[in-house]
Amino acid sequence: MKQKFLKVIKYVVLGLFFGLISFAVHTFSVAKEKQHFEKNYVFEVYRQNLELDYYGAKDTLVDAIDSYIREIAPSSVMNALAILNKCDEHNIDLFFVVAQAQVESSFATKGLGHKMNSAFNVKAYDGKGSQYMDKHSHPDESIEPYMTLIKKYYMGDSKSEMDLMNKYIDLTGKRYASNPDYETMMLSTYKKLTDRYGNLYDEYLKYKTLCGK
């Protein structure tokens, strides 16, 4: 009888032992899952806040550049968001592009730029005094061909926007514009943009990098 009682006690103790182990493992697993969830939750909140900061910085920058365009050329229909998106796509300095659109055609409101809806006068004239070339339905459509031209024939793999503003020639040495003061005008306009909106652009680029955009 005593031996049978000890045997029962033994099984009870073993049951309690394995039960405690099972409970401990379960508790550890739950704690680990909770920690993992909290870590992921914190990361997700951080990521979402970064996204909000990114879009906030982008909206602020776009609004500022839109206001600048209307200040310089009230009748312009160019869209700062379209310019910025293309700058991001082609990895070109926003202020460089805005400065050139202003110098070339006052944002497609003057000269051939207005007549052809070509803010940068790319393929706007054949140079023979007789034939107009590419006319766009909207000035924003002239951004893509301009950037393709600049990246492929003017910058290549070796030149920066600042190089072009110091000496605006293509990879073969041909000038973008015949005006000898073109570079001075570009640099002056670029500096004005940097002085006024440099902080906004830096903020946008910071969040763009952090978000992996």
C-alpha atoms as a PDB file:
ATOM      1  CA  MET A   1       0.000   0.000   0.000  1.00  0.00           C
ATOM      2  CA  LYS A   2       2.823   2.345   0.942  1.00  0.00           C
ATOM      3  CA  GLN A   3       4.688   1.472  -2.252  1.00  0.00           C
ATOM      4  CA  LYS A   4       1.599   2.174  -4.339  1.00  0.00           C
ATOM      5  CA  PHE A   5       1.161   5.498  -2.556  1.00  0.00           C
ATOM      6  CA  LEU A   6       4.787   6.481  -3.270  1.00  0.00           C
ATOM      7  CA  LYS A   7       4.304   5.551  -6.902  1.00  0.00           C
ATOM      8  CA  VAL A   8       1.250   7.823  -7.114  1.00  0.00           C
ATOM      9  CA  ILE A   9       3.218  10.623  -5.456  1.00  0.00           C
ATOM     10  CA  LYS A  10       6.024  10.066  -7.953  1.00  0.00           C
ATOM     11  CA  TYR A  11       3.653  10.440 -10.914  1.00  0.00           C
ATOM     12  CA  VAL A  12       2.059  13.506  -9.349  1.00  0.00           C
ATOM     13  CA  VAL A  13       5.487  15.119  -8.827  1.00  0.00           C
ATOM     14  CA  LEU A  14       6.561  14.235 -12.362  1.00  0.00           C
ATOM     15  CA  GLY A  15       3.313  15.622 -13.702  1.00  0.00           C
ATOM     16  CA  LEU A  16       3.781  18.830 -11.780  1.00  0.00           C
ATOM     17  CA  PHE A  17       7.412  19.039 -12.948  1.00  0.00           C
ATOM     18  CA  PHE A  18       6.605  18.611 -16.635  1.00  0.00           C
ATOM     19  CA  GLY A  19       3.609  20.886 -16.219  1.00  0.00           C
ATOM     20  CA  LEU A  20       5.828  23.593 -14.802  1.00  0.00           C
ATOM     21  CA  ILE A  21       8.296  23.124 -17.656  1.00  0.00           C
ATOM     22  CA  SER A  22       5.491  23.315 -20.194  1.00  0.00           C
ATOM     23  CA  PHE A  23       4.147  26.443 -18.500  1.00  0.00           C
ATOM     24  CA  ALA A  24       7.585  28.027 -18.440  1.00  0.00           C
ATOM     25  CA  VAL A  25       8.137  27.261 -22.129  1.00  0.00           C
ATOM     26  CA  HIS A  26       4.717  28.620 -22.991  1.00  0.00           C
ATOM     27  CA  THR A  27       5.302  31.749 -20.900  1.00  0.00           C
ATOM     28  CA  PHE A  28       8.688  32.300 -22.555  1.00  0.00           C
ATOM     29  CA  SER A  29       7.165  31.776 -25.984  1.00  0.00           C
ATOM     30  CA  VAL A  30       4.345  34.229 -25.263  1.00  0.00           C
ATOM     31  CA  ALA A  31       6.827  36.761 -23.907  1.00  0.00           C
ATOM     32  CA  LYS A  32       9.000  36.341 -26.978  1.00  0.00           C
ATOM     33  CA  GLU A  33       6.027  36.728 -29.301  1.00  0.00           C
ATOM     34  CA  LYS A  34       4.945  39.805 -27.381  1.00  0.00           C
ATOM     35  CA  GLN A  35       8.420  41.263 -27.625  1.00  0.00           C
ATOM     36  CA  HIS A  36       8.498  40.507 -31.343  1.00  0.00           C
ATOM     37  CA  PHE A  37       5.062  42.084 -31.797  1.00  0.00           C
ATOM     38  CA  GLU A  38       6.056  45.169 -29.799  1.00  0.00           C
ATOM     39  CA  LYS A  39       9.277  45.493 -31.760  1.00  0.00           C
ATOM     40  CA  ASN A  40       7.421  45.188 -35.066  1.00  0.00           C
ATOM     41  CA  TYR A  41       4.731  47.557 -33.847  1.00  0.00           C
ATOM     42  CA  VAL A  42       7.295  50.178 -32.835  1.00  0.00           C
ATOM     43  CA  PHE A  43       9.056  49.772 -36.185  1.00  0.00           C
ATOM     44  CA  GLU A  44       5.775  50.044 -38.074  1.00  0.00           C
ATOM     45  CA  VAL A  45       4.813  53.202 -36.170  1.00  0.00           C
ATOM     46  CA  TYR A  46       8.268  54.619 -36.882  1.00  0.00           C
ATOM     47  CA  ARG A  47       7.946  53.737 -40.587  1.00  0.00           C
ATOM     48  CA  GLN A  48       4.497  55.270 -40.836  1.00  0.00           C
ATOM     49  CA  ASN A  49       5.706  58.449 -39.120  1.00  0.00           C
ATOM     50  CA  LEU A  50       8.597  58.640 -41.582  1.00  0.00           C
ATOM     51  CA  GLU A  51       6.161  58.284 -44.459  1.00  0.00           C
ATOM     52  CA  LEU A  52       4.024  61.090 -43.045  1.00  0.00           C
ATOM     53  CA  ASP A  53       7.117  63.272 -42.608  1.00  0.00           C
ATOM     54  CA  TYR A  54       8.200  62.475 -46.173  1.00  0.00           C
ATOM     55  CA  TYR A  55       4.868  63.385 -47.749  1.00  0.00           C
ATOM     56  CA  GLY A  56       4.582  66.435 -45.517  1.00  0.00           C
ATOM     57  CA  ALA A  57       8.021  67.660 -46.578  1.00  0.00           C
ATOM     58  CA  LYS A  58       7.198  66.950 -50.220  1.00  0.00           C
ATOM     59  CA  ASP A  59       3.897  68.866 -50.068  1.00  0.00           C
ATOM     60  CA  THR A  60       5.604  71.827 -48.389  1.00  0.00           C
ATOM     61  CA  LEU A  61       8.370  71.924 -51.001  1.00  0.00           C
ATOM     62  CA  VAL A  62       5.942  71.586 -53.916  1.00  0.00           C
ATOM     63  CA  ASP A  63       3.740  74.366 -52.543  1.00  0.00           C
ATOM     64  CA  ALA A  64       6.782  76.620 -52.172  1.00  0.00           C
ATOM     65  CA  ILE A  65       8.006  75.997 -55.730  1.00  0.00           C
ATOM     66  CA  ASP A  66       4.493  76.404 -57.127  1.00  0.00           C
ATOM     67  CA  SER A  67       4.281  79.766 -55.365  1.00  0.00           C
ATOM     68  CA  TYR A  68       7.665  80.747 -56.774  1.00  0.00           C
ATOM     69  CA  ILE A  69       6.603  79.867 -60.331  1.00  0.00           C
ATOM     70  CA  ARG A  70       3.426  81.964 -59.979  1.00  0.00           C
ATOM     71  CA  GLU A  71       5.475  84.813 -58.502  1.00  0.00           C
ATOM     72  CA  ILE A  72       7.832  84.867 -61.493  1.00  0.00           C
ATOM     73  CA  ALA A  73       5.269  83.965 -64.157  1.00  0.00           C
ATOM     74  CA  PRO A  74       1.666  84.360 -62.945  1.00  0.00           C
ATOM     75  CA  SER A  75       0.252  82.933 -66.176  1.00  0.00           C
ATOM     76  CA  SER A  76       2.393  79.786 -66.114  1.00  0.00           C
ATOM     77  CA  VAL A  77       0.596  76.462 -65.892  1.00  0.00           C
ATOM     78  CA  MET A  78       3.706  74.462 -65.042  1.00  0.00           C
ATOM     79  CA  ASN A  79       3.276  72.110 -62.098  1.00  0.00           C
ATOM     80  CA  ALA A  80       5.981  71.930 -59.413  1.00  0.00           C
ATOM     81  CA  LEU A  81       4.937  68.373 -58.522  1.00  0.00           C
ATOM     82  CA  ALA A  82       5.546  67.233 -62.102  1.00  0.00           C
ATOM     83  CA  ILE A  83       8.980  68.861 -62.049  1.00  0.00           C
ATOM     84  CA  LEU A  84       9.932  67.326 -58.694  1.00  0.00           C
ATOM     85  CA  ASN A  85       8.767  63.835 -59.672  1.00  0.00           C
ATOM     86  CA  LYS A  86      10.831  63.954 -62.861  1.00  0.00           C
ATOM     87  CA  CYS A  87      13.847  65.269 -60.929  1.00  0.00           C
ATOM     88  CA  ASP A  88      13.572  62.301 -58.571  1.00  0.00           C
ATOM     89  CA  GLU A  89      13.158  59.888 -61.476  1.00  0.00           C
ATOM     90  CA  HIS A  90      16.241  61.187 -63.299  1.00  0.00           C
ATOM     91  CA  ASN A  91      18.237  62.149 -60.193  1.00  0.00           C
ATOM     92  CA  ILE A  92      18.638  65.794 -61.204  1.00  0.00           C
ATOM     93  CA  ASP A  93      18.801  68.781 -58.838  1.00  0.00           C
ATOM     94  CA  LEU A  94      15.355  70.380 -58.557  1.00  0.00           C
ATOM     95  CA  PHE A  95      16.702  73.939 -58.315  1.00  0.00           C
ATOM     96  CA  PHE A  96      18.824  73.454 -61.439  1.00  0.00           C
ATOM     97  CA  VAL A  97      15.741  72.456 -63.430  1.00  0.00           C
ATOM     98  CA  VAL A  98      13.557  75.238 -62.024  1.00  0.00           C
ATOM     99  CA  ALA A  99      16.312  77.777 -62.715  1.00  0.00           C
ATOM    100  CA  GLN A 100      16.639  76.657 -66.324  1.00  0.00           C
ATOM    101  CA  ALA A 101      12.882  76.724 -66.910  1.00  0.00           C
ATOM    102  CA  GLN A 102      12.894  80.302 -65.650  1.00  0.00           C
ATOM    103  CA  VAL A 103      15.921  81.415 -67.679  1.00  0.00           C
ATOM    104  CA  GLU A 104      14.796  79.695 -70.887  1.00  0.00           C
ATOM    105  CA  SER A 105      11.146  80.698 -71.089  1.00  0.00           C
ATOM    106  CA  SER A 106       9.938  82.091 -67.775  1.00  0.00           C
ATOM    107  CA  PHE A 107       8.195  78.766 -67.209  1.00  0.00           C
ATOM    108  CA  ALA A 108       6.823  78.491 -70.749  1.00  0.00           C
ATOM    109  CA  THR A 109       5.234  81.950 -70.787  1.00  0.00           C
ATOM    110  CA  LYS A 110       7.642  83.733 -73.135  1.00  0.00           C
ATOM    111  CA  GLY A 111       9.036  83.353 -76.649  1.00  0.00           C
ATOM    112  CA  LEU A 112       9.201  79.966 -78.317  1.00  0.00           C
ATOM    113  CA  GLY A 113       8.753  78.297 -74.962  1.00  0.00           C
ATOM    114  CA  HIS A 114       5.259  79.744 -74.777  1.00  0.00           C
ATOM    115  CA  LYS A 115       4.463  79.140 -78.447  1.00  0.00           C
ATOM    116  CA  MET A 116       5.567  75.494 -78.315  1.00  0.00           C
ATOM    117  CA  ASN A 117       4.697  74.738 -74.660  1.00  0.00           C
ATOM    118  CA  SER A 118       8.372  73.838 -74.279  1.00  0.00           C
ATOM    119  CA  ALA A 119       9.734  75.268 -71.043  1.00  0.00           C
ATOM    120  CA  PHE A 120      13.336  74.396 -71.934  1.00  0.00           C
ATOM    121  CA  ASN A 121      13.122  75.016 -75.693  1.00  0.00           C
ATOM    122  CA  VAL A 122      14.265  71.476 -76.452  1.00  0.00           C
ATOM    123  CA  LYS A 123      13.513  70.793 -80.137  1.00  0.00           C
ATOM    124  CA  ALA A 124      11.380  73.920 -80.230  1.00  0.00           C
ATOM    125  CA  TYR A 125      13.110  75.355 -83.294  1.00  0.00           C
ATOM    126  CA  ASP A 126      15.122  73.893 -86.158  1.00  0.00           C
ATOM    127  CA  GLY A 127      17.654  76.721 -86.266  1.00  0.00           C
ATOM    128  CA  LYS A 128      16.909  77.564 -89.921  1.00  0.00           C
ATOM    129  CA  GLY A 129      14.299  80.199 -89.299  1.00  0.00           C
ATOM    130  CA  SER A 130      11.559  78.297 -91.022  1.00  0.00           C
ATOM    131  CA  GLN A 131      10.249  75.353 -89.052  1.00  0.00           C
ATOM    132  CA  TYR A 132       9.026  74.736 -85.511  1.00  0.00           C
ATOM    133  CA  MET A 133       9.679  71.315 -84.116  1.00  0.00           C
ATOM    134  CA  ASP A 134       8.056  69.549 -81.143  1.00  0.00           C
ATOM    135  CA  LYS A 135       4.986  71.287 -79.754  1.00  0.00           C
ATOM    136  CA  HIS A 136       3.554  69.932 -76.511  1.00  0.00           C
ATOM    137  CA  SER A 137      -0.048  70.078 -75.385  1.00  0.00           C
ATOM    138  CA  HIS A 138       1.149  71.158 -71.921  1.00  0.00           C
ATOM    139  CA  PRO A 139       4.496  72.573 -70.689  1.00  0.00           C
ATOM    140  CA  ASP A 140       4.859  69.720 -68.178  1.00  0.00           C
ATOM    141  CA  GLU A 141       5.235  67.359 -71.141  1.00  0.00           C
ATOM    142  CA  SER A 142       8.469  69.144 -72.053  1.00  0.00           C
ATOM    143  CA  ILE A 143      10.182  68.115 -68.802  1.00  0.00           C
ATOM    144  CA  GLU A 144      10.912  64.492 -69.775  1.00  0.00           C
ATOM    145  CA  PRO A 145      12.616  65.168 -73.160  1.00  0.00           C
ATOM    146  CA  TYR A 146      14.657  67.946 -71.550  1.00  0.00           C
ATOM    147  CA  MET A 147      15.915  65.695 -68.746  1.00  0.00           C
ATOM    148  CA  THR A 148      16.692  62.866 -71.147  1.00  0.00           C
ATOM    149  CA  LEU A 149      18.734  65.293 -73.227  1.00  0.00           C
ATOM    150  CA  ILE A 150      20.603  66.714 -70.234  1.00  0.00           C
ATOM    151  CA  LYS A 151      21.432  63.352 -68.679  1.00  0.00           C
ATOM    152  CA  LYS A 152      22.522  61.690 -71.925  1.00  0.00           C
ATOM    153  CA  TYR A 153      24.272  64.461 -73.843  1.00  0.00           C
ATOM    154  CA  TYR A 154      25.334  67.032 -71.250  1.00  0.00           C
ATOM    155  CA  MET A 155      26.002  65.255 -67.953  1.00  0.00           C
ATOM    156  CA  GLY A 156      26.821  61.694 -68.904  1.00  0.00           C
ATOM    157  CA  ASP A 157      28.632  59.881 -66.091  1.00  0.00           C
ATOM    158  CA  SER A 158      31.128  62.614 -65.325  1.00  0.00           C
ATOM    159  CA  LYS A 159      29.448  66.034 -65.067  1.00  0.00           C
ATOM    160  CA  SER A 160      27.243  67.578 -62.403  1.00  0.00           C
ATOM    161  CA  GLU A 161      24.658  70.319 -62.542  1.00  0.00           C
ATOM    162  CA  MET A 162      27.206  72.736 -61.087  1.00  0.00           C
ATOM    163  CA  ASP A 163      29.637  71.841 -63.877  1.00  0.00           C
ATOM    164  CA  LEU A 164      26.975  72.811 -66.410  1.00  0.00           C
ATOM    165  CA  MET A 165      26.160  76.074 -64.668  1.00  0.00           C
ATOM    166  CA  ASN A 166      29.845  76.996 -64.787  1.00  0.00           C
ATOM    167  CA  LYS A 167      30.193  75.986 -68.444  1.00  0.00           C
ATOM    168  CA  TYR A 168      27.004  74.839 -70.125  1.00  0.00           C
ATOM    169  CA  ILE A 169      28.339  72.651 -72.903  1.00  0.00           C
ATOM    170  CA  ASP A 170      27.476  69.116 -73.966  1.00  0.00           C
ATOM    171  CA  LEU A 171      29.891  66.188 -73.983  1.00  0.00           C
ATOM    172  CA  THR A 172      31.179  67.263 -77.423  1.00  0.00           C
ATOM    173  CA  GLY A 173      31.762  70.866 -76.351  1.00  0.00           C
ATOM    174  CA  LYS A 174      28.644  72.426 -77.936  1.00  0.00           C
ATOM    175  CA  ARG A 175      26.910  75.155 -75.934  1.00  0.00           C
ATOM    176  CA  TYR A 176      23.306  74.780 -74.769  1.00  0.00           C
ATOM    177  CA  ALA A 177      22.614  78.451 -75.477  1.00  0.00           C
ATOM    178  CA  SER A 178      24.335  81.138 -77.547  1.00  0.00           C
ATOM    179  CA  ASN A 179      23.875  83.824 -74.884  1.00  0.00           C
ATOM    180  CA  PRO A 180      27.347  84.410 -73.316  1.00  0.00           C
ATOM    181  CA  ASP A 181      25.669  85.360 -70.012  1.00  0.00           C
ATOM    182  CA  TYR A 182      23.659  82.127 -69.825  1.00  0.00           C
ATOM    183  CA  GLU A 183      25.751  80.550 -67.060  1.00  0.00           C
ATOM    184  CA  THR A 184      25.664  83.753 -64.993  1.00  0.00           C
ATOM    185  CA  MET A 185      21.888  83.869 -65.270  1.00  0.00           C
ATOM    186  CA  MET A 186      21.597  80.197 -64.317  1.00  0.00           C
ATOM    187  CA  LEU A 187      23.883  80.551 -61.292  1.00  0.00           C
ATOM    188  CA  SER A 188      22.130  83.688 -60.069  1.00  0.00           C
ATOM    189  CA  THR A 189      18.691  82.070 -60.297  1.00  0.00           C
ATOM    190  CA  TYR A 190      19.936  78.831 -58.737  1.00  0.00           C
ATOM    191  CA  LYS A 191      21.435  80.741 -55.791  1.00  0.00           C
ATOM    192  CA  LYS A 192      18.174  82.613 -55.224  1.00  0.00           C
ATOM    193  CA  LEU A 193      16.269  79.325 -55.125  1.00  0.00           C
ATOM    194  CA  THR A 194      18.815  77.765 -52.768  1.00  0.00           C
ATOM    195  CA  ASP A 195      18.732  80.749 -50.420  1.00  0.00           C
ATOM    196  CA  ARG A 196      14.946  80.758 -50.276  1.00  0.00           C
ATOM    197  CA  TYR A 197      14.087  77.070 -50.330  1.00  0.00           C
ATOM    198  CA  GLY A 198      17.298  75.191 -49.571  1.00  0.00           C
ATOM    199  CA  ASN A 199      16.129  74.110 -46.121  1.00  0.00           C
ATOM    200  CA  LEU A 200      12.855  72.756 -47.516  1.00  0.00           C
ATOM    201  CA  TYR A 201      14.671  70.796 -50.209  1.00  0.00           C
ATOM    202  CA  ASP A 202      17.191  69.403 -47.702  1.00  0.00           C
ATOM    203  CA  GLU A 203      14.342  68.306 -45.435  1.00  0.00           C
ATOM    204  CA  TYR A 204      12.575  66.596 -48.325  1.00  0.00           C
ATOM    205  CA  LEU A 205      15.747  64.815 -49.457  1.00  0.00           C
ATOM    206  CA  LYS A 206      16.419  63.645 -45.876  1.00  0.00           C
ATOM    207  CA  TYR A 207      13.035  61.953 -45.518  1.00  0.00           C
ATOM    208  CA  LYS A 208      13.206  60.669 -49.083  1.00  0.00           C
ATOM    209  CA  THR A 209      16.451  58.876 -48.201  1.00  0.00           C
ATOM    210  CA  LEU A 210      15.150  57.577 -44.859  1.00  0.00           C
ATOM    211  CA  CYS A 211      12.032  56.184 -46.546  1.00  0.00           C
ATOM    212  CA  GLY A 212      14.052  54.616 -49.347  1.00  0.00           C
ATOM    213  CA  LYS A 213      12.110  56.485 -51.998  1.00  0.00           C
END
